N, C-alpha and C. Protein backbone atom coordinates (compact mmCIF):
# COMPACT_ATOMS: atom_id res chain seq x y z
N MET A 1 29.54 64.55 31.91
CA MET A 1 29.91 63.10 31.75
C MET A 1 30.96 62.71 32.82
N ARG A 2 31.60 63.77 33.21
CA ARG A 2 32.82 63.50 34.00
C ARG A 2 32.39 63.32 35.50
N ARG A 3 31.08 63.83 35.78
CA ARG A 3 30.70 63.82 37.19
C ARG A 3 30.28 62.22 37.59
N PRO A 4 29.69 61.63 36.72
CA PRO A 4 29.50 60.04 37.25
C PRO A 4 30.81 59.33 37.44
N LEU A 5 31.81 59.63 36.46
CA LEU A 5 32.93 58.96 36.67
C LEU A 5 33.75 59.32 38.04
N LEU A 6 33.64 60.58 38.42
CA LEU A 6 34.35 61.21 39.48
C LEU A 6 33.66 60.43 40.89
N LEU A 7 32.19 60.16 40.66
CA LEU A 7 31.53 59.58 41.82
C LEU A 7 32.03 57.92 41.99
N VAL A 8 32.23 57.40 40.85
CA VAL A 8 32.44 55.97 40.81
C VAL A 8 33.90 55.50 41.45
N LEU A 9 35.02 56.57 40.88
CA LEU A 9 36.26 56.09 41.14
C LEU A 9 36.44 56.19 42.74
N PRO A 10 35.97 56.93 43.54
CA PRO A 10 36.40 56.98 45.03
C PRO A 10 35.75 55.89 45.58
N ALA A 11 34.43 55.48 45.02
CA ALA A 11 33.57 54.32 45.63
C ALA A 11 34.45 52.95 45.54
N LEU A 12 34.99 52.86 44.24
CA LEU A 12 35.91 51.70 44.11
C LEU A 12 37.08 51.76 44.84
N ALA A 13 37.72 52.80 45.07
CA ALA A 13 38.89 52.81 45.92
C ALA A 13 38.69 52.38 47.20
N VAL A 14 37.34 52.95 47.68
CA VAL A 14 36.94 52.56 49.18
C VAL A 14 36.74 50.96 49.43
N LEU A 15 36.19 50.44 48.29
CA LEU A 15 35.85 48.88 48.14
C LEU A 15 37.05 48.09 48.30
N SER A 16 38.06 48.56 47.45
CA SER A 16 39.34 47.72 47.37
C SER A 16 40.12 48.04 48.60
N ALA A 17 40.00 49.19 49.42
CA ALA A 17 40.60 49.12 50.55
C ALA A 17 40.00 48.34 51.82
N CYS A 18 38.75 48.15 51.64
CA CYS A 18 38.15 47.27 52.52
C CYS A 18 38.31 45.71 52.28
N GLY A 19 39.24 45.28 51.42
CA GLY A 19 39.42 43.95 51.29
C GLY A 19 38.84 43.40 50.07
N GLY A 20 38.20 44.09 49.34
CA GLY A 20 37.49 43.41 48.14
C GLY A 20 38.67 42.89 47.17
N ALA A 21 38.52 41.93 46.77
CA ALA A 21 39.43 41.12 45.80
C ALA A 21 39.23 41.64 44.34
N PRO A 22 40.43 41.79 43.80
CA PRO A 22 40.17 42.15 42.31
C PRO A 22 39.66 40.84 41.61
N ALA A 23 38.77 41.11 40.48
CA ALA A 23 38.08 40.03 39.79
C ALA A 23 39.09 38.94 39.25
N ASP A 24 40.37 39.32 38.89
CA ASP A 24 41.28 38.32 38.20
C ASP A 24 41.95 37.70 39.16
N SER A 25 41.96 37.81 40.63
CA SER A 25 42.58 37.04 41.55
C SER A 25 41.89 35.58 41.64
N THR A 26 42.83 34.70 42.18
CA THR A 26 42.23 33.35 42.29
C THR A 26 41.87 33.40 43.82
N PRO A 27 40.94 32.43 44.20
CA PRO A 27 40.27 32.33 45.52
C PRO A 27 41.47 31.50 46.37
N PRO A 28 41.36 31.86 47.52
CA PRO A 28 42.47 31.33 48.47
C PRO A 28 42.14 29.84 48.78
N THR A 29 43.16 28.91 48.80
CA THR A 29 43.06 27.43 48.84
C THR A 29 42.87 27.11 50.44
N SER A 30 42.18 26.07 50.78
CA SER A 30 42.03 25.63 51.94
C SER A 30 42.89 24.48 52.38
N SER A 31 43.32 24.45 53.54
CA SER A 31 44.40 23.52 53.87
C SER A 31 43.86 22.05 54.42
N GLY A 32 42.39 21.99 54.30
CA GLY A 32 41.58 20.73 54.67
C GLY A 32 41.66 19.89 53.61
N ALA A 33 41.29 18.56 53.78
CA ALA A 33 41.07 17.57 52.81
C ALA A 33 40.42 17.99 51.67
N PRO A 34 40.77 17.49 50.58
CA PRO A 34 40.12 17.67 49.19
C PRO A 34 38.61 17.20 49.22
N VAL A 35 37.84 18.09 48.48
CA VAL A 35 36.46 17.87 48.37
C VAL A 35 36.19 16.68 47.38
N GLN A 36 35.59 15.62 47.48
CA GLN A 36 35.36 14.64 46.53
C GLN A 36 34.15 15.09 45.67
N GLU A 37 34.47 15.01 44.29
CA GLU A 37 33.18 15.38 43.50
C GLU A 37 32.44 14.16 43.59
N PRO A 38 31.10 14.34 43.51
CA PRO A 38 30.18 13.15 43.40
C PRO A 38 30.33 12.60 41.81
N THR A 39 30.13 11.26 41.83
CA THR A 39 30.19 10.65 40.41
C THR A 39 28.75 10.29 39.96
N SER A 40 28.50 10.30 38.81
CA SER A 40 27.08 9.77 38.44
C SER A 40 27.02 8.23 38.15
N ALA A 41 28.15 7.74 38.12
CA ALA A 41 28.19 6.22 37.93
C ALA A 41 28.01 5.41 39.22
N ALA A 42 26.81 4.50 39.08
CA ALA A 42 26.69 3.69 40.43
C ALA A 42 27.52 2.59 40.34
N PRO A 43 27.68 2.05 41.60
CA PRO A 43 28.61 0.87 41.62
C PRO A 43 27.95 -0.24 40.95
N ALA A 44 28.89 -1.08 40.37
CA ALA A 44 28.54 -2.33 39.52
C ALA A 44 27.70 -3.22 40.42
N LYS A 45 26.71 -3.85 39.90
CA LYS A 45 25.93 -4.89 40.73
C LYS A 45 25.40 -5.86 39.80
N PRO A 46 25.15 -7.12 40.32
CA PRO A 46 24.69 -8.17 39.28
C PRO A 46 23.41 -7.95 38.84
N PRO A 47 22.91 -8.38 37.77
CA PRO A 47 21.51 -8.25 37.27
C PRO A 47 20.70 -9.23 38.19
N PRO A 48 19.36 -8.92 38.12
CA PRO A 48 18.40 -9.79 38.66
C PRO A 48 18.40 -11.27 38.20
N VAL A 49 18.06 -12.14 38.91
CA VAL A 49 18.07 -13.45 38.59
C VAL A 49 16.69 -13.38 37.35
N PRO A 50 16.79 -14.00 36.31
CA PRO A 50 15.73 -14.04 35.28
C PRO A 50 14.58 -14.93 35.79
N GLU A 51 13.52 -14.62 34.83
CA GLU A 51 12.38 -15.19 35.21
C GLU A 51 11.79 -15.82 33.88
N PRO A 52 11.21 -17.03 33.71
CA PRO A 52 10.63 -17.57 32.35
C PRO A 52 9.41 -16.58 31.95
N SER A 53 9.49 -16.27 30.61
CA SER A 53 8.63 -15.31 30.19
C SER A 53 7.74 -15.81 28.86
N ALA A 54 8.33 -16.99 28.09
CA ALA A 54 7.85 -17.56 27.14
C ALA A 54 8.31 -19.02 27.03
N ASP A 55 7.43 -19.83 26.13
CA ASP A 55 7.83 -21.24 26.06
C ASP A 55 9.08 -21.23 25.06
N GLY A 56 10.07 -22.32 25.14
CA GLY A 56 11.06 -22.16 24.49
C GLY A 56 11.15 -22.62 22.96
N PRO A 57 12.10 -23.13 22.34
CA PRO A 57 13.06 -23.86 22.82
C PRO A 57 14.29 -23.07 23.30
N CYS A 58 15.15 -23.77 24.05
CA CYS A 58 16.66 -23.01 24.43
C CYS A 58 17.39 -23.03 23.17
N PRO A 59 17.92 -21.83 22.74
CA PRO A 59 18.76 -21.78 21.68
C PRO A 59 20.10 -22.32 21.69
N TYR A 60 20.67 -22.64 23.03
CA TYR A 60 21.97 -23.18 23.09
C TYR A 60 22.17 -24.42 23.80
N LEU A 61 20.90 -24.95 24.22
CA LEU A 61 20.93 -26.28 24.92
C LEU A 61 19.68 -27.13 24.82
N ASP A 62 20.08 -28.43 24.34
CA ASP A 62 18.89 -29.32 23.80
C ASP A 62 18.32 -29.97 25.14
N LYS A 63 16.98 -30.35 25.05
CA LYS A 63 16.22 -31.04 26.34
C LYS A 63 17.10 -32.37 26.40
N GLU A 64 17.55 -33.10 25.41
CA GLU A 64 18.26 -34.31 25.59
C GLU A 64 19.59 -34.00 26.40
N GLU A 65 20.17 -33.17 26.15
CA GLU A 65 21.26 -32.73 26.86
C GLU A 65 21.16 -32.56 28.43
N VAL A 66 20.19 -31.82 28.72
CA VAL A 66 19.82 -31.50 30.18
C VAL A 66 19.36 -32.90 30.70
N ARG A 67 18.64 -33.71 30.02
CA ARG A 67 18.08 -35.18 30.48
C ARG A 67 19.39 -35.91 30.87
N ALA A 68 20.31 -36.01 29.98
CA ALA A 68 21.51 -36.64 30.22
C ALA A 68 22.27 -36.38 31.27
N ALA A 69 22.50 -34.97 31.54
CA ALA A 69 23.36 -34.51 32.63
C ALA A 69 22.50 -34.39 33.87
N ASN A 70 21.20 -34.14 33.99
CA ASN A 70 20.52 -34.16 35.22
C ASN A 70 20.00 -35.47 35.75
N GLY A 71 19.81 -36.44 34.74
CA GLY A 71 19.28 -37.64 35.00
C GLY A 71 17.60 -37.79 35.05
N GLN A 72 16.94 -36.85 34.56
CA GLN A 72 15.49 -36.74 34.62
C GLN A 72 14.91 -36.32 33.38
N GLY A 73 13.63 -36.85 32.84
CA GLY A 73 13.23 -36.56 31.72
C GLY A 73 12.80 -35.02 31.71
N VAL A 74 12.69 -34.41 30.61
CA VAL A 74 12.35 -33.22 30.42
C VAL A 74 11.05 -32.82 29.64
N GLY A 75 10.27 -32.01 30.36
CA GLY A 75 8.96 -31.81 29.78
C GLY A 75 9.01 -30.60 29.09
N LYS A 76 8.34 -29.34 29.28
CA LYS A 76 8.44 -28.23 28.51
C LYS A 76 9.73 -27.44 29.03
N VAL A 77 9.98 -26.56 28.05
CA VAL A 77 11.20 -25.70 28.23
C VAL A 77 10.72 -24.35 28.08
N ARG A 78 11.00 -23.31 28.93
CA ARG A 78 10.55 -21.81 28.90
C ARG A 78 12.00 -21.22 28.83
N ILE A 79 11.71 -19.90 28.39
CA ILE A 79 13.03 -19.06 28.15
C ILE A 79 12.65 -17.58 28.91
N SER A 80 13.53 -16.89 29.16
CA SER A 80 13.42 -15.47 29.59
C SER A 80 13.47 -14.55 28.56
N GLU A 81 13.34 -13.29 28.81
CA GLU A 81 13.74 -12.24 27.88
C GLU A 81 15.05 -12.20 27.90
N GLY A 82 15.48 -11.59 26.73
CA GLY A 82 16.80 -11.43 26.55
C GLY A 82 17.48 -12.10 25.28
N LYS A 83 18.22 -11.45 24.58
CA LYS A 83 18.85 -11.70 23.22
C LYS A 83 20.35 -11.69 23.48
N PRO A 84 21.24 -12.38 22.96
CA PRO A 84 20.77 -13.65 22.06
C PRO A 84 20.76 -14.83 22.98
N ASN A 85 21.00 -14.73 24.09
CA ASN A 85 21.06 -15.90 25.10
C ASN A 85 20.08 -15.85 26.17
N PRO A 86 18.89 -16.07 25.96
CA PRO A 86 17.93 -16.04 27.14
C PRO A 86 18.34 -17.20 28.07
N ALA A 87 17.88 -16.79 29.55
CA ALA A 87 17.85 -17.87 30.50
C ALA A 87 17.19 -19.10 30.11
N CYS A 88 17.34 -20.28 30.14
CA CYS A 88 16.41 -21.51 29.88
C CYS A 88 15.96 -22.11 31.07
N PHE A 89 14.91 -22.41 31.09
CA PHE A 89 14.18 -23.17 32.31
C PHE A 89 13.63 -24.54 31.79
N PHE A 90 14.30 -25.53 32.21
CA PHE A 90 14.01 -27.00 32.02
C PHE A 90 13.06 -27.50 33.02
N TYR A 91 11.72 -27.98 32.71
CA TYR A 91 10.94 -28.62 33.61
C TYR A 91 11.03 -29.89 33.73
N ARG A 92 10.37 -30.44 34.90
CA ARG A 92 10.43 -31.95 34.98
C ARG A 92 9.34 -32.56 33.86
N ALA A 93 9.37 -33.75 33.84
CA ALA A 93 8.59 -34.51 32.84
C ALA A 93 7.07 -34.23 33.07
N ASP A 94 6.71 -33.80 34.62
CA ASP A 94 5.31 -33.66 34.84
C ASP A 94 5.07 -32.02 34.46
N ASN A 95 5.96 -31.31 34.26
CA ASN A 95 5.80 -29.84 33.81
C ASN A 95 5.44 -29.07 35.00
N LYS A 96 5.68 -29.53 36.25
CA LYS A 96 5.12 -28.85 37.36
C LYS A 96 6.05 -27.90 37.95
N SER A 97 7.41 -28.37 37.91
CA SER A 97 8.44 -27.48 38.38
C SER A 97 9.75 -27.72 37.53
N VAL A 98 10.59 -26.71 37.69
CA VAL A 98 11.81 -26.47 37.02
C VAL A 98 12.94 -27.43 37.70
N GLN A 99 13.47 -28.27 36.84
CA GLN A 99 14.62 -29.27 37.20
C GLN A 99 15.96 -28.53 37.14
N ALA A 100 15.99 -27.68 35.99
CA ALA A 100 17.38 -26.94 35.91
C ALA A 100 17.10 -25.54 35.24
N MET A 101 17.93 -24.68 35.53
CA MET A 101 17.90 -23.23 35.06
C MET A 101 19.47 -23.00 34.49
N VAL A 102 19.34 -22.44 33.53
CA VAL A 102 20.67 -22.07 32.81
C VAL A 102 20.69 -20.66 32.33
N TRP A 103 21.61 -19.73 32.89
CA TRP A 103 21.71 -18.42 32.80
C TRP A 103 22.91 -18.07 32.27
N ILE A 104 22.91 -17.36 31.02
CA ILE A 104 24.28 -16.90 30.48
C ILE A 104 24.18 -15.37 30.47
N TYR A 105 25.31 -14.75 31.10
CA TYR A 105 25.44 -13.40 31.18
C TYR A 105 26.62 -13.07 30.50
N SER A 106 26.54 -11.98 29.54
CA SER A 106 27.59 -11.39 28.73
C SER A 106 27.55 -9.90 28.98
N GLY A 107 28.65 -9.07 29.20
CA GLY A 107 28.68 -7.66 29.34
C GLY A 107 30.04 -7.37 29.89
N SER A 108 30.10 -6.88 31.31
CA SER A 108 31.20 -6.46 31.82
C SER A 108 31.86 -7.58 32.75
N ALA A 109 33.29 -7.81 32.67
CA ALA A 109 33.95 -8.64 33.34
C ALA A 109 33.71 -8.55 34.78
N ASP A 110 33.62 -7.21 35.37
CA ASP A 110 33.30 -7.06 36.82
C ASP A 110 31.83 -7.49 37.09
N VAL A 111 31.07 -7.32 36.37
CA VAL A 111 29.78 -7.65 36.67
C VAL A 111 29.67 -9.13 36.57
N ALA A 112 30.23 -9.75 35.68
CA ALA A 112 30.22 -11.44 35.43
C ALA A 112 30.84 -11.97 36.83
N LYS A 113 31.82 -11.22 37.33
CA LYS A 113 32.54 -11.93 38.60
C LYS A 113 31.64 -11.61 39.82
N LEU A 114 30.89 -10.49 39.68
CA LEU A 114 29.77 -10.05 40.92
C LEU A 114 28.90 -11.14 40.85
N LEU A 115 28.27 -11.45 39.59
CA LEU A 115 27.32 -12.33 39.49
C LEU A 115 27.46 -13.65 39.87
N VAL A 116 28.66 -14.31 39.57
CA VAL A 116 29.03 -15.66 40.21
C VAL A 116 29.19 -15.58 41.78
N ASP A 117 29.79 -14.43 42.08
CA ASP A 117 30.09 -14.40 43.83
C ASP A 117 28.57 -14.24 44.28
N ALA A 118 27.51 -13.49 43.77
CA ALA A 118 26.26 -13.45 44.28
C ALA A 118 25.53 -14.81 44.34
N GLN A 119 25.89 -15.55 43.32
CA GLN A 119 25.11 -16.92 43.32
C GLN A 119 25.82 -18.08 44.13
N VAL A 120 27.06 -17.82 44.18
CA VAL A 120 27.96 -18.93 44.92
C VAL A 120 29.09 -18.19 45.66
N PRO A 121 28.62 -17.51 46.81
CA PRO A 121 29.69 -16.52 47.67
C PRO A 121 30.81 -17.49 48.07
N VAL A 122 31.84 -16.82 47.69
CA VAL A 122 33.21 -17.65 47.99
C VAL A 122 33.08 -18.13 49.42
N ALA A 123 32.73 -17.49 50.50
CA ALA A 123 32.82 -17.89 51.86
C ALA A 123 32.01 -19.19 52.05
N GLY A 124 30.87 -19.20 51.34
CA GLY A 124 30.07 -20.62 51.56
C GLY A 124 29.96 -21.59 50.40
N SER A 125 31.06 -21.55 49.52
CA SER A 125 30.92 -22.43 48.42
C SER A 125 32.31 -23.19 48.11
N SER A 126 32.16 -24.20 47.30
CA SER A 126 33.67 -24.94 46.81
C SER A 126 33.76 -24.30 45.67
N PRO A 127 35.34 -24.14 45.43
CA PRO A 127 35.82 -23.55 44.16
C PRO A 127 35.46 -24.43 43.09
N ALA A 128 35.02 -23.84 41.84
CA ALA A 128 34.80 -24.66 40.71
C ALA A 128 35.56 -24.12 39.52
N ASP A 129 35.57 -24.81 38.58
CA ASP A 129 36.16 -24.51 37.27
C ASP A 129 35.81 -25.30 36.07
N LEU A 130 36.06 -24.83 34.90
CA LEU A 130 35.65 -25.40 33.67
C LEU A 130 36.89 -25.27 32.89
N PRO A 131 37.17 -26.34 31.88
CA PRO A 131 38.40 -26.18 30.91
C PRO A 131 38.27 -24.59 30.11
N GLY A 132 39.36 -24.03 29.95
CA GLY A 132 39.27 -22.91 29.18
C GLY A 132 39.44 -21.94 30.10
N GLY A 133 39.58 -21.88 31.24
CA GLY A 133 39.67 -20.61 32.24
C GLY A 133 38.54 -20.16 32.82
N TRP A 134 37.41 -21.03 32.91
CA TRP A 134 36.42 -20.62 33.78
C TRP A 134 36.54 -20.92 35.38
N LYS A 135 36.26 -19.91 36.10
CA LYS A 135 36.41 -19.95 37.39
C LYS A 135 35.25 -19.57 38.24
N GLY A 136 35.03 -20.14 39.42
CA GLY A 136 33.68 -19.89 40.16
C GLY A 136 33.77 -20.55 41.31
N GLY A 137 32.36 -21.17 41.45
CA GLY A 137 32.04 -21.94 42.68
C GLY A 137 30.84 -22.76 42.40
N SER A 138 30.51 -23.73 43.36
CA SER A 138 29.47 -24.51 43.37
C SER A 138 29.18 -24.83 44.81
N LYS A 139 27.75 -25.18 44.92
CA LYS A 139 27.30 -25.42 46.43
C LYS A 139 26.03 -26.17 46.40
N LYS A 140 25.71 -26.78 47.36
CA LYS A 140 24.36 -27.58 47.52
C LYS A 140 23.47 -26.27 48.17
N THR A 141 22.18 -26.45 47.66
CA THR A 141 21.32 -25.45 48.16
C THR A 141 20.13 -26.32 48.97
N ASP A 142 18.98 -25.55 49.48
CA ASP A 142 17.91 -26.15 49.96
C ASP A 142 17.08 -26.96 49.03
N THR A 143 17.03 -26.47 47.79
CA THR A 143 16.33 -26.92 46.57
C THR A 143 17.02 -27.80 45.53
N GLY A 144 18.52 -27.96 45.70
CA GLY A 144 19.21 -28.61 44.78
C GLY A 144 20.72 -28.28 44.98
N ALA A 145 21.08 -27.70 43.86
CA ALA A 145 22.60 -27.32 43.70
C ALA A 145 22.68 -26.20 42.73
N VAL A 146 23.87 -25.46 42.79
CA VAL A 146 24.07 -24.29 41.74
C VAL A 146 25.65 -24.46 41.72
N PHE A 147 26.00 -24.15 40.37
CA PHE A 147 27.26 -23.94 39.70
C PHE A 147 27.28 -22.95 38.89
N ALA A 148 28.34 -21.86 39.28
CA ALA A 148 28.50 -20.60 38.52
C ALA A 148 29.94 -20.36 38.20
N VAL A 149 30.29 -19.98 37.06
CA VAL A 149 31.52 -19.80 36.83
C VAL A 149 31.67 -18.52 35.89
N ALA A 150 32.78 -17.75 35.79
CA ALA A 150 32.97 -16.73 35.02
C ALA A 150 34.25 -16.69 34.19
N LYS A 151 34.32 -16.12 33.09
CA LYS A 151 35.47 -16.09 32.17
C LYS A 151 35.25 -14.84 31.38
N GLY A 152 36.21 -13.84 31.64
CA GLY A 152 36.01 -12.49 30.97
C GLY A 152 34.61 -11.82 31.31
N GLU A 153 34.01 -11.22 30.07
CA GLU A 153 32.90 -10.64 30.29
C GLU A 153 31.63 -11.65 30.22
N TYR A 154 31.85 -13.01 30.51
CA TYR A 154 30.70 -13.84 30.49
C TYR A 154 30.62 -14.65 31.80
N ALA A 155 29.47 -15.13 32.21
CA ALA A 155 29.13 -15.85 33.36
C ALA A 155 28.15 -16.95 32.94
N ILE A 156 28.26 -18.22 33.44
CA ILE A 156 27.35 -19.29 33.44
C ILE A 156 27.04 -19.80 34.83
N VAL A 157 25.53 -19.55 34.90
CA VAL A 157 25.15 -19.93 36.03
C VAL A 157 24.01 -21.04 35.87
N VAL A 158 24.07 -22.28 36.72
CA VAL A 158 23.35 -23.38 36.41
C VAL A 158 22.79 -23.70 37.88
N THR A 159 21.39 -23.82 37.93
CA THR A 159 20.67 -24.36 39.13
C THR A 159 20.17 -25.66 38.83
N THR A 160 20.21 -26.75 39.59
CA THR A 160 19.35 -27.95 39.32
C THR A 160 18.62 -28.27 40.61
N ASN A 161 17.74 -29.26 40.43
CA ASN A 161 16.98 -29.82 41.54
C ASN A 161 17.71 -31.04 42.06
N GLN A 162 18.84 -31.21 41.48
CA GLN A 162 19.61 -32.43 42.21
C GLN A 162 20.51 -32.12 43.30
N ASP A 163 20.60 -32.80 44.35
CA ASP A 163 21.53 -32.33 45.44
C ASP A 163 22.83 -32.52 45.48
N ARG A 164 23.54 -32.75 44.14
CA ARG A 164 24.92 -32.89 44.16
C ARG A 164 25.10 -32.16 43.06
N THR A 165 26.27 -31.21 43.04
CA THR A 165 26.71 -30.16 42.10
C THR A 165 27.19 -30.77 40.54
N ILE A 166 27.50 -32.12 40.63
CA ILE A 166 28.02 -32.51 39.37
C ILE A 166 27.05 -32.38 38.18
N ALA A 167 25.79 -32.57 38.41
CA ALA A 167 24.76 -32.44 37.47
C ALA A 167 24.72 -30.93 36.81
N ALA A 168 24.85 -29.91 37.64
CA ALA A 168 24.94 -28.51 37.24
C ALA A 168 26.20 -28.33 36.46
N LYS A 169 27.39 -28.86 36.95
CA LYS A 169 28.55 -28.73 36.39
C LYS A 169 28.58 -29.28 34.83
N ARG A 170 27.84 -30.60 34.82
CA ARG A 170 27.87 -31.08 33.34
C ARG A 170 27.20 -30.30 32.27
N ILE A 171 25.95 -29.76 33.10
CA ILE A 171 25.06 -28.76 32.12
C ILE A 171 25.99 -27.41 31.83
N ALA A 172 26.86 -26.99 32.70
CA ALA A 172 27.66 -25.69 32.54
C ALA A 172 28.58 -26.12 31.41
N THR A 173 29.01 -27.25 31.42
CA THR A 173 30.17 -27.75 30.45
C THR A 173 29.60 -27.84 29.14
N VAL A 174 28.48 -28.37 28.91
CA VAL A 174 27.94 -28.68 27.68
C VAL A 174 27.40 -27.21 27.17
N THR A 175 27.02 -26.41 27.92
CA THR A 175 26.51 -25.00 27.45
C THR A 175 27.67 -24.26 27.00
N ALA A 176 28.83 -24.33 27.66
CA ALA A 176 30.06 -23.44 27.31
C ALA A 176 30.52 -24.01 25.93
N GLY A 177 30.35 -25.44 25.80
CA GLY A 177 30.94 -25.85 24.47
C GLY A 177 29.86 -25.42 23.38
N ASN A 178 28.60 -25.50 23.63
CA ASN A 178 27.69 -25.26 22.58
C ASN A 178 27.68 -23.73 22.24
N LEU A 179 28.22 -22.92 23.19
CA LEU A 179 28.20 -21.56 22.73
C LEU A 179 29.71 -21.17 22.19
N LYS A 180 30.52 -22.10 22.36
CA LYS A 180 32.06 -21.82 21.96
C LYS A 180 32.62 -20.70 22.70
N LEU A 181 32.14 -20.74 23.96
CA LEU A 181 32.86 -19.71 24.68
C LEU A 181 34.08 -20.11 25.44
């Protein structure tokens, strides 16, 4: 039994003399820049623009409110997937095209701001607000106008076929009031 121990001890002495580090020593530190650990969280980005998926009604906005604000008769109403506040699509009286779309986002405050900036980039829009601390922007588009504002974890985006943003702002104002946001 002593023989194997006698053979192992000299081998360990040779290895430690050759620079082998003891098992309990700490590795040397580098003087370079610290290594950044990868994170699993992806950067925040706004959700995709919703699409109509079913016939309405809109749970937070009436056809008559849209008619009064947008100045056109409303035909059918369709809604997107999403609860409790799906996006609502109000069609013209002939039911052939959307005259107004209202999209409510609720979730992260950072994403709400990103959503507003994606719809009305600061560089290409006019500042917009609603009573109660809503901030965002509005602008004319090739197909009408858009008005988008955020407050905390909420965002309201309204598009309209009207070439002036006042109709979209009126719809957003009524929406925020109806939802008590």
